Amino acid sequence: MVVKYKFVVNFIKNHYFLLFLSFFIVGTLFLNIRPVFAIDYKNLTDTEKRDLGIYFVDDTPPPAACGTSPSGANSGAIGPNSYVLGDSISAGLHNDGIEVKLQAALGGTSTVNHDSGRSITQPGTEVKQSAINAADSDKLIIGKAGTIIVVLGTNPTDDPFSENLDLLYAKLKGYAPSAKIYWVDIGATRANTAAVWSARNKIIYDAAKTLGFTVISRYKAIFGQDKDPLNIQPGLAIPGSSDNVHGAYPQLSKAIVDSVTNNGSSVSGGSANSCSCSALAGADNAEKIYNYLIGKGLKPFQAAGLMGNMEAEAHFEPRLVEYAFSSPPHLSDTVPPDQNSKGQPGYGLIQWTSPGRKQGLRDIATAKGLSTGNLGLQMDYLWQELTTKYKTVYDNLIASSDVESATYIILHDYETPSDIPGQRPIRTGFAKTILAKFGSNSGSGGFGVISC
């Protein structure tokens, strides 16, 4: 036995390589034992992964929770890169070295895409791209940016400005869903255009509240924090400017850097994340909607007048699809496709029907990363419509003095059903019931109250 044992030991010592090779071949052919090499598992198919018979651990960091920022990020942004999109004002910022200043403040790279005479939808005179087209061309750069700064609105070739603003915002958020977006207001003071620019600033500030971006005030950076950009003083001299449109770029550069590093006094419209984590307050949809509207500043009877119409349209169900064009339960989390030239079926809280209005709802839902059937999203979209495209309706609603007139204003000028005389008493009755039920609520809400 001793002799046999020594023979075996000596054989293994002298022939270990042949033995290893034999086991390797047998295992590979018959036992499916795989050699272990360094494998880039991300390039393997699911079948190949299963064949390997081992577990894989993906060490990619999970996305940040709503309301938090990834480690090391600046100002709530997902990364240090910054991107500026604008007109000749951006060209002035470029000449002032805004890229270097942003890199010093945030780290990463900084890109400025500027073109004199550019607007959101109209090309400029040099690059000859509109802002929409420039964003498409730069989508890979935008997708890597944690901070996006828009400097547009001064050039008057962009009506309807509110719709084009919504369009550009949705596109930018589509390319960079978690980036923080800033919009620079208009600081030009040329006398014959000051009123137009004041109105556009109103649109910018209102959109900030509904969409969730942050406004950086060029007007205040130049003329002082006590100045009102919604009431531009015609002819106010911009330092170093010959046309009261351009100039004062060092002041604007400072305001931008201060804002993106949270050292400034920019005006925020809410979180720039894809959703806001504040829930609408209330026991049911009706109470949530009422509290939202009171939080926006409506009087109880004005909120009730608006809601009386909403009850008639959709019974406060944001997913409701027009009955005549859908099957039970008539609910959808997405806007249904149009079935005729009118845009039917209607959809949502107020049964939006026209193709343009429904597309606007889709765009904002995409930008915020929510379904179009989200209650908070639809309330934000409704409020955006009232305070921009339907500003006259909003002004008349604010000026109304009782529940009957508030209901009729929304019925006649905002909802516009086919049978207004027949609907008027029905909707007024709904409004009075709502007022009696919720009239004592102090309300809560305000902008950005999206339910995640």
Protein backbone atom coordinates (compact mmCIF):
# COMPACT_ATOMS: atom_id res chain seq x y z
CA MET A 1 0.00 0.00 0.00
CA VAL A 2 2.86 2.34 0.82
CA VAL A 3 4.51 1.66 -2.51
CA LYS A 4 1.25 2.26 -4.41
CA TYR A 5 0.64 5.48 -2.50
CA LYS A 6 4.13 6.80 -3.30
CA PHE A 7 3.58 5.87 -6.94
CA VAL A 8 0.38 7.89 -7.09
CA VAL A 9 1.99 10.89 -5.39
CA ASN A 10 4.97 10.83 -7.71
CA PHE A 11 2.69 10.46 -10.75
CA ILE A 12 0.68 13.52 -9.73
CA LYS A 13 3.82 15.56 -9.09
CA ASN A 14 5.31 14.65 -12.46
CA HIS A 15 2.15 14.87 -14.53
CA TYR A 16 -0.03 17.53 -12.83
CA PHE A 17 -0.32 19.61 -16.00
CA LEU A 18 -1.68 16.64 -18.00
CA LEU A 19 -4.10 15.83 -15.21
CA PHE A 20 -5.37 19.43 -15.06
CA LEU A 21 -5.76 19.52 -18.83
CA SER A 22 -7.70 16.25 -18.80
CA PHE A 23 -10.12 17.44 -16.13
CA PHE A 24 -10.58 20.76 -17.98
CA ILE A 25 -11.48 19.00 -21.23
CA VAL A 26 -13.85 16.54 -19.58
CA GLY A 27 -15.55 19.27 -17.57
CA THR A 28 -15.98 21.49 -20.57
CA LEU A 29 -17.37 18.77 -22.82
CA PHE A 30 -19.57 16.84 -20.41
CA LEU A 31 -20.16 18.82 -17.24
CA ASN A 32 -20.53 22.33 -18.73
CA ILE A 33 -17.96 23.72 -16.27
CA ARG A 34 -16.92 27.14 -17.54
CA PRO A 35 -13.49 28.70 -17.10
CA VAL A 36 -13.59 31.94 -15.18
CA PHE A 37 -12.44 35.00 -17.10
CA ALA A 38 -13.08 38.73 -16.70
CA ILE A 39 -16.44 39.24 -18.44
CA ASP A 40 -18.20 42.44 -19.36
CA TYR A 41 -21.63 41.13 -18.42
CA LYS A 42 -23.44 44.24 -19.66
CA ASN A 43 -22.71 43.13 -23.25
CA LEU A 44 -24.15 39.64 -22.70
CA THR A 45 -27.63 38.56 -23.65
CA ASP A 46 -29.98 37.20 -21.00
CA THR A 47 -29.52 33.71 -22.47
CA GLU A 48 -25.73 33.98 -22.22
CA LYS A 49 -26.03 35.15 -18.64
CA ARG A 50 -28.22 32.17 -17.76
CA ASP A 51 -25.78 29.79 -19.47
CA LEU A 52 -22.93 31.10 -17.36
CA GLY A 53 -24.82 29.96 -14.26
CA ILE A 54 -23.57 32.74 -12.01
CA TYR A 55 -25.09 35.80 -10.36
CA PHE A 56 -24.38 39.32 -11.52
CA VAL A 57 -24.34 42.37 -9.33
CA ASP A 58 -25.01 45.71 -11.05
CA ASP A 59 -23.00 48.32 -9.20
CA THR A 60 -24.65 51.24 -11.01
CA PRO A 61 -25.85 53.71 -8.33
CA PRO A 62 -29.64 53.83 -8.03
CA PRO A 63 -31.38 57.05 -9.07
CA ALA A 64 -31.74 59.64 -6.35
CA ALA A 65 -35.01 59.59 -4.46
CA CYS A 66 -37.47 62.37 -5.20
CA GLY A 67 -36.36 65.50 -3.45
CA THR A 68 -32.73 64.42 -3.02
CA SER A 69 -29.58 64.94 -5.04
CA PRO A 70 -26.91 62.43 -6.02
CA SER A 71 -23.73 62.65 -3.98
CA GLY A 72 -21.47 65.47 -5.05
CA ALA A 73 -24.05 67.29 -7.16
CA ASN A 74 -24.41 71.06 -7.09
CA SER A 75 -27.64 72.89 -6.41
CA GLY A 76 -29.85 69.85 -6.79
CA ALA A 77 -28.54 69.08 -10.28
CA ILE A 78 -27.58 65.61 -11.43
CA GLY A 79 -24.04 66.58 -12.47
CA PRO A 80 -21.60 69.45 -12.80
CA ASN A 81 -22.00 70.12 -16.54
CA SER A 82 -23.90 73.24 -17.56
CA TYR A 83 -25.58 74.31 -20.80
CA VAL A 84 -26.71 77.81 -21.85
CA LEU A 85 -29.17 78.27 -24.74
CA GLY A 86 -29.97 81.76 -25.93
CA ASP A 87 -29.81 84.73 -28.26
CA SER A 88 -27.46 87.72 -28.52
CA ILE A 89 -27.69 88.22 -24.74
CA SER A 90 -26.04 84.81 -24.44
CA ALA A 91 -23.40 85.95 -26.90
CA GLY A 92 -22.63 88.79 -24.52
CA LEU A 93 -22.41 86.31 -21.66
CA HIS A 94 -20.03 84.19 -23.72
CA ASN A 95 -17.82 87.23 -24.34
CA ASP A 96 -17.90 87.92 -20.61
CA GLY A 97 -16.58 84.41 -19.94
CA ILE A 98 -19.69 82.77 -18.52
CA GLU A 99 -18.36 79.30 -19.41
CA VAL A 100 -15.26 79.77 -17.27
CA LYS A 101 -17.33 81.19 -14.42
CA LEU A 102 -19.79 78.29 -14.49
CA GLN A 103 -16.99 75.74 -14.62
CA ALA A 104 -15.37 77.36 -11.61
CA ALA A 105 -18.68 77.36 -9.74
CA LEU A 106 -20.02 73.94 -10.70
CA GLY A 107 -17.12 71.99 -12.15
CA GLY A 108 -17.58 69.92 -15.28
CA THR A 109 -17.91 71.42 -18.72
CA SER A 110 -19.96 74.42 -19.82
CA THR A 111 -21.46 74.97 -23.28
CA VAL A 112 -23.08 78.14 -24.61
CA ASN A 113 -25.18 77.92 -27.79
CA HIS A 114 -25.99 81.48 -28.84
CA ASP A 115 -27.29 83.12 -31.99
CA SER A 116 -28.12 86.79 -32.52
CA GLY A 117 -31.77 87.36 -33.36
CA ARG A 118 -32.78 83.86 -32.27
CA SER A 119 -36.12 83.10 -30.66
CA ILE A 120 -37.62 79.82 -29.49
CA THR A 121 -39.06 78.94 -32.88
CA GLN A 122 -37.29 81.33 -35.26
CA PRO A 123 -33.63 81.07 -36.37
CA GLY A 124 -31.01 83.70 -35.68
CA THR A 125 -28.70 85.44 -38.13
CA GLU A 126 -25.45 83.55 -37.54
CA VAL A 127 -25.95 79.90 -36.57
CA LYS A 128 -29.36 80.11 -38.26
CA GLN A 129 -31.04 77.74 -35.83
CA SER A 130 -34.07 78.34 -33.66
CA ALA A 131 -33.74 77.37 -30.00
CA ILE A 132 -35.88 74.30 -30.68
CA ASN A 133 -33.56 73.19 -33.48
CA ALA A 134 -30.46 74.02 -31.44
CA ALA A 135 -31.74 71.86 -28.60
CA ASP A 136 -32.27 68.97 -31.00
CA SER A 137 -28.73 69.40 -32.36
CA ASP A 138 -27.26 69.54 -28.84
CA LYS A 139 -29.40 66.79 -27.29
CA LEU A 140 -26.38 64.69 -26.31
CA ILE A 141 -24.74 67.66 -24.59
CA ILE A 142 -28.01 68.61 -22.91
CA GLY A 143 -28.51 65.05 -21.74
CA LYS A 144 -25.26 65.24 -19.75
CA ALA A 145 -26.04 68.64 -18.19
CA GLY A 146 -27.15 69.05 -14.61
CA THR A 147 -27.82 72.78 -15.04
CA ILE A 148 -29.58 74.34 -18.04
CA ILE A 149 -29.92 78.11 -18.44
CA VAL A 150 -32.27 79.59 -21.06
CA VAL A 151 -31.78 83.21 -22.17
CA LEU A 152 -34.64 83.81 -24.61
CA GLY A 153 -37.64 86.08 -25.02
CA THR A 154 -36.13 89.44 -25.98
CA ASN A 155 -36.60 88.96 -29.73
CA PRO A 156 -40.24 89.64 -30.62
CA THR A 157 -40.56 86.95 -33.34
CA ASP A 158 -42.06 84.31 -31.09
CA ASP A 159 -45.82 84.43 -30.73
CA PRO A 160 -47.59 82.77 -29.05
CA PHE A 161 -44.73 83.05 -26.59
CA SER A 162 -46.38 81.05 -23.80
CA GLU A 163 -46.98 78.02 -26.02
CA ASN A 164 -43.47 78.14 -27.44
CA LEU A 165 -42.00 78.42 -23.94
CA ASP A 166 -43.91 75.29 -22.92
CA LEU A 167 -42.67 73.51 -26.03
CA LEU A 168 -39.01 74.32 -25.40
CA TYR A 169 -39.23 73.45 -21.71
CA ALA A 170 -40.77 70.06 -22.52
CA LYS A 171 -38.02 69.37 -25.05
CA LEU A 172 -35.23 70.26 -22.63
CA LYS A 173 -36.75 68.13 -19.87
CA GLY A 174 -37.16 65.30 -22.35
CA TYR A 175 -33.43 65.36 -23.07
CA ALA A 176 -32.38 65.99 -19.45
CA PRO A 177 -35.22 64.86 -17.16
CA SER A 178 -33.38 65.52 -13.90
CA ALA A 179 -31.52 68.69 -14.83
CA LYS A 180 -32.34 71.93 -13.05
CA ILE A 181 -33.60 74.52 -15.52
CA TYR A 182 -33.23 78.29 -15.14
CA TRP A 183 -34.79 80.96 -17.33
CA VAL A 184 -33.37 84.49 -17.49
CA ASP A 185 -36.07 87.16 -17.62
CA ILE A 186 -35.99 90.12 -20.01
CA GLY A 187 -33.95 93.08 -18.84
CA ALA A 188 -34.18 95.23 -21.97
CA THR A 189 -35.87 98.63 -21.57
CA ARG A 190 -36.22 100.08 -25.08
CA ALA A 191 -39.23 102.37 -24.83
CA ASN A 192 -41.30 101.13 -27.75
CA THR A 193 -41.06 97.47 -26.66
CA ALA A 194 -41.08 97.74 -22.85
CA ALA A 195 -44.77 96.84 -22.54
CA VAL A 196 -44.34 93.70 -24.66
CA TRP A 197 -41.33 92.65 -22.62
CA SER A 198 -43.19 93.23 -19.36
CA ALA A 199 -45.98 90.95 -20.58
CA ARG A 200 -43.47 88.30 -21.60
CA ASN A 201 -41.84 88.45 -18.18
CA LYS A 202 -45.26 87.81 -16.68
CA ILE A 203 -45.52 84.70 -18.85
CA ILE A 204 -42.03 83.55 -17.78
CA TYR A 205 -42.78 83.97 -14.07
CA ASP A 206 -46.19 82.28 -14.35
CA ALA A 207 -44.66 79.39 -16.27
CA ALA A 208 -42.01 79.00 -13.57
CA LYS A 209 -44.80 78.38 -11.08
CA THR A 210 -46.60 75.79 -13.18
CA LEU A 211 -43.63 74.02 -14.80
CA GLY A 212 -41.15 74.19 -11.95
CA PHE A 213 -38.14 76.02 -13.35
CA THR A 214 -36.31 78.91 -11.69
CA VAL A 215 -36.20 82.50 -12.95
CA ILE A 216 -32.97 84.49 -12.83
CA SER A 217 -33.78 88.19 -13.10
CA ARG A 218 -31.59 90.13 -15.49
CA TYR A 219 -33.79 93.17 -14.88
CA LYS A 220 -33.12 93.12 -11.14
CA ALA A 221 -29.45 92.28 -11.63
CA ILE A 222 -29.05 95.48 -13.65
CA PHE A 223 -31.39 97.88 -11.90
CA GLY A 224 -31.74 96.57 -8.34
CA GLN A 225 -33.72 94.02 -6.38
CA ASP A 226 -36.53 96.51 -5.71
CA LYS A 227 -37.38 96.78 -9.42
CA ASP A 228 -40.36 94.95 -10.90
CA PRO A 229 -39.62 92.94 -14.09
CA LEU A 230 -43.37 92.72 -14.75
CA ASN A 231 -43.44 96.50 -15.08
CA ILE A 232 -40.32 97.43 -17.06
CA GLN A 233 -39.59 101.15 -16.94
CA PRO A 234 -39.34 102.33 -20.56
CA GLY A 235 -36.01 103.87 -21.51
CA LEU A 236 -34.21 103.05 -18.26
CA ALA A 237 -30.52 103.21 -19.16
CA ILE A 238 -28.57 99.96 -19.18
CA PRO A 239 -24.95 100.66 -18.18
CA GLY A 240 -22.63 100.48 -21.18
CA SER A 241 -25.48 99.94 -23.64
CA SER A 242 -26.21 101.99 -26.74
CA ASP A 243 -29.62 100.42 -27.42
CA ASN A 244 -31.00 99.61 -23.94
CA VAL A 245 -31.19 95.97 -24.99
CA HIS A 246 -27.65 94.63 -24.68
CA GLY A 247 -24.95 95.21 -22.08
CA ALA A 248 -24.44 94.79 -18.32
CA TYR A 249 -23.15 91.25 -18.86
CA PRO A 250 -20.91 91.12 -15.76
CA GLN A 251 -23.98 91.83 -13.61
CA LEU A 252 -25.95 89.09 -15.34
CA SER A 253 -23.06 86.63 -15.14
CA LYS A 254 -22.86 87.19 -11.40
CA ALA A 255 -26.61 86.72 -11.00
CA ILE A 256 -26.44 83.44 -12.91
CA VAL A 257 -23.53 82.06 -10.91
CA ASP A 258 -25.11 83.16 -7.64
CA SER A 259 -28.39 81.48 -8.58
CA VAL A 260 -26.98 78.14 -9.69
CA THR A 261 -24.88 77.95 -6.52
CA ASN A 262 -27.84 79.00 -4.34
CA ASN A 263 -26.21 82.29 -3.35
CA GLY A 264 -28.61 84.52 -5.26
CA SER A 265 -32.20 85.71 -5.08
CA SER A 266 -33.68 83.91 -8.04
CA VAL A 267 -37.40 83.13 -8.07
CA SER A 268 -38.17 79.44 -8.03
CA GLY A 269 -41.37 77.96 -9.35
CA GLY A 270 -40.90 74.68 -7.52
CA SER A 271 -38.68 71.66 -7.74
CA ALA A 272 -36.87 71.05 -11.00
CA ASN A 273 -36.99 67.32 -10.41
CA SER A 274 -39.30 65.27 -12.58
CA CYS A 275 -41.87 65.32 -9.78
CA SER A 276 -42.62 67.17 -6.62
CA CYS A 277 -43.26 65.12 -3.52
CA SER A 278 -45.93 67.36 -1.97
CA ALA A 279 -49.35 65.70 -2.00
CA LEU A 280 -52.58 67.53 -2.71
CA ALA A 281 -54.41 68.06 0.56
CA GLY A 282 -57.92 66.70 0.96
CA ALA A 283 -60.04 63.65 1.62
CA ASP A 284 -61.12 63.22 -2.01
CA ASN A 285 -60.49 64.77 -5.42
CA ALA A 286 -63.10 67.48 -4.94
CA GLU A 287 -61.57 68.71 -1.67
CA LYS A 288 -58.05 68.49 -3.10
CA ILE A 289 -59.06 70.61 -6.09
CA TYR A 290 -60.85 73.15 -3.88
CA ASN A 291 -57.85 73.50 -1.57
CA TYR A 292 -55.53 73.83 -4.56
CA LEU A 293 -57.57 76.70 -6.02
CA ILE A 294 -57.85 78.50 -2.69
CA GLY A 295 -54.10 78.09 -2.32
CA LYS A 296 -53.73 79.86 -5.67
CA GLY A 297 -55.60 82.86 -4.31
CA LEU A 298 -59.16 82.32 -5.55
CA LYS A 299 -62.02 83.29 -3.31
CA PRO A 300 -64.28 80.42 -2.16
CA PHE A 301 -67.11 81.31 -4.56
CA GLN A 302 -64.66 81.65 -7.46
CA ALA A 303 -63.16 78.23 -6.75
CA ALA A 304 -66.67 76.81 -6.49
CA GLY A 305 -67.68 78.37 -9.81
CA LEU A 306 -64.74 76.74 -11.55
CA MET A 307 -65.43 73.42 -9.83
CA GLY A 308 -69.13 73.45 -10.73
CA ASN A 309 -68.01 73.28 -14.34
CA MET A 310 -65.46 70.59 -13.59
CA GLU A 311 -68.10 68.46 -11.89
CA ALA A 312 -70.35 68.70 -14.95
CA GLU A 313 -67.48 67.81 -17.26
CA ALA A 314 -65.77 64.93 -15.46
CA HIS A 315 -67.03 64.56 -11.86
CA PHE A 316 -63.48 65.46 -10.69
CA GLU A 317 -62.03 62.34 -12.36
CA PRO A 318 -58.78 63.30 -14.18
CA ARG A 319 -58.68 60.02 -16.17
CA LEU A 320 -62.18 60.35 -17.62
CA VAL A 321 -62.58 59.85 -21.39
CA GLU A 322 -65.64 61.30 -23.14
CA TYR A 323 -68.42 58.73 -22.82
CA ALA A 324 -69.55 58.76 -26.46
CA PHE A 325 -66.07 57.80 -27.63
CA SER A 326 -65.02 55.22 -25.05
CA SER A 327 -66.10 52.04 -23.35
CA PRO A 328 -66.77 51.48 -19.62
CA PRO A 329 -65.22 52.35 -17.24
CA HIS A 330 -64.28 55.29 -19.54
CA LEU A 331 -60.93 55.81 -17.78
CA SER A 332 -57.40 56.17 -19.16
CA ASP A 333 -54.04 57.16 -17.68
CA THR A 334 -53.01 58.61 -21.06
CA VAL A 335 -54.63 61.08 -23.43
CA PRO A 336 -56.51 58.99 -26.04
CA PRO A 337 -55.80 59.57 -29.74
CA ASP A 338 -58.08 61.93 -31.67
CA GLN A 339 -60.99 60.28 -33.48
CA ASN A 340 -62.11 63.27 -35.54
CA SER A 341 -61.00 66.74 -36.63
CA LYS A 342 -62.47 68.31 -33.49
CA GLY A 343 -60.06 66.31 -31.35
CA GLN A 344 -62.68 64.17 -29.65
CA PRO A 345 -62.75 62.38 -27.31
CA GLY A 346 -62.50 64.92 -24.56
CA TYR A 347 -60.22 63.99 -21.68
CA GLY A 348 -59.54 64.87 -18.09
CA LEU A 349 -60.92 67.24 -15.48
CA ILE A 350 -62.30 69.74 -17.95
CA GLN A 351 -62.55 67.35 -20.92
CA TRP A 352 -59.81 69.00 -22.96
CA THR A 353 -60.75 68.34 -26.59
CA SER A 354 -58.79 70.44 -29.08
CA PRO A 355 -55.66 68.65 -30.34
CA GLY A 356 -53.40 71.54 -29.32
CA ARG A 357 -54.62 71.68 -25.73
CA LYS A 358 -54.39 67.92 -25.31
CA GLN A 359 -50.88 67.93 -26.75
CA GLY A 360 -49.94 70.59 -24.23
CA LEU A 361 -51.07 68.23 -21.47
CA ARG A 362 -49.01 65.42 -22.98
CA ASP A 363 -45.93 67.63 -23.20
CA ILE A 364 -46.07 68.73 -19.57
CA ALA A 365 -46.69 65.15 -18.43
CA THR A 366 -43.58 64.06 -20.35
CA ALA A 367 -41.54 66.90 -18.89
CA LYS A 368 -42.55 66.02 -15.34
CA GLY A 369 -42.34 62.26 -15.80
CA LEU A 370 -45.97 61.70 -14.80
CA SER A 371 -49.04 60.22 -16.44
CA THR A 372 -51.50 62.61 -18.06
CA GLY A 373 -54.15 61.22 -15.71
CA ASN A 374 -52.36 62.59 -12.63
CA LEU A 375 -54.65 64.93 -10.67
CA GLY A 376 -51.96 67.37 -9.60
CA LEU A 377 -50.49 67.53 -13.09
CA GLN A 378 -53.87 68.42 -14.58
CA MET A 379 -54.47 71.10 -11.97
CA ASP A 380 -51.11 72.66 -12.76
CA TYR A 381 -51.89 72.53 -16.48
CA LEU A 382 -55.34 74.04 -15.95
CA TRP A 383 -53.84 76.84 -13.89
CA GLN A 384 -51.17 77.46 -16.51
CA GLU A 385 -53.86 77.78 -19.19
CA LEU A 386 -55.92 80.20 -17.12
CA THR A 387 -53.00 82.46 -16.30
CA THR A 388 -51.49 82.52 -19.81
CA LYS A 389 -53.56 81.59 -22.87
CA TYR A 390 -56.84 82.31 -21.09
CA LYS A 391 -55.63 85.30 -19.12
CA THR A 392 -58.78 87.30 -19.92
CA VAL A 393 -60.91 84.51 -18.45
CA TYR A 394 -58.71 84.48 -15.36
CA ASP A 395 -58.95 88.25 -14.97
CA ASN A 396 -62.74 88.14 -15.29
CA LEU A 397 -62.93 85.29 -12.79
CA ILE A 398 -60.83 87.25 -10.30
CA ALA A 399 -63.12 90.26 -10.80
CA SER A 400 -66.32 88.22 -10.31
CA SER A 401 -68.41 88.98 -7.23
CA ASP A 402 -70.59 85.90 -6.70
CA VAL A 403 -70.82 82.20 -7.43
CA GLU A 404 -73.30 82.63 -10.29
CA SER A 405 -71.08 84.99 -12.27
CA ALA A 406 -67.94 82.95 -11.54
CA THR A 407 -69.64 79.80 -12.85
CA TYR A 408 -70.87 81.53 -16.01
CA ILE A 409 -67.46 83.04 -16.84
CA ILE A 410 -65.85 79.60 -16.86
CA LEU A 411 -68.82 78.05 -18.67
CA HIS A 412 -69.02 80.68 -21.43
CA ASP A 413 -65.37 81.56 -22.01
CA TYR A 414 -63.30 78.57 -20.90
CA GLU A 415 -65.38 75.39 -21.21
CA THR A 416 -67.73 76.54 -24.03
CA PRO A 417 -70.01 73.47 -24.33
CA SER A 418 -72.56 73.33 -27.15
CA ASP A 419 -75.58 74.01 -24.91
CA ILE A 420 -74.52 76.92 -22.71
CA PRO A 421 -78.08 78.05 -21.76
CA GLY A 422 -79.05 74.50 -20.77
CA GLN A 423 -75.84 73.90 -18.84
CA ARG A 424 -75.86 77.17 -16.92
CA PRO A 425 -78.42 76.23 -14.19
CA ILE A 426 -76.93 72.74 -13.84
CA ARG A 427 -73.41 73.98 -13.29
CA THR A 428 -74.51 76.83 -11.06
CA GLY A 429 -76.30 74.30 -8.86
CA PHE A 430 -73.16 72.18 -8.64
CA ALA A 431 -71.13 75.26 -7.72
CA LYS A 432 -73.50 76.29 -4.93
CA THR A 433 -73.37 72.80 -3.44
CA ILE A 434 -69.56 72.85 -3.54
CA LEU A 435 -69.47 76.28 -1.91
CA ALA A 436 -71.75 75.10 0.88
CA LYS A 437 -69.60 72.02 1.44
CA PHE A 438 -66.10 73.51 1.30
CA GLY A 439 -66.63 77.24 1.76
CA SER A 440 -65.12 77.24 5.24
CA ASN A 441 -61.88 75.53 4.11
CA SER A 442 -58.89 77.83 4.32
CA GLY A 443 -57.26 75.88 1.50
CA SER A 444 -53.73 74.75 0.83
CA GLY A 445 -51.68 73.96 -2.19
CA GLY A 446 -50.13 76.41 -4.55
CA PHE A 447 -47.83 75.64 -7.42
CA GLY A 448 -46.06 72.37 -7.94
CA VAL A 449 -48.32 70.25 -5.77
CA ILE A 450 -47.91 67.16 -7.88
CA SER A 451 -48.72 63.85 -6.26
CA CYS A 452 -45.77 61.56 -6.98
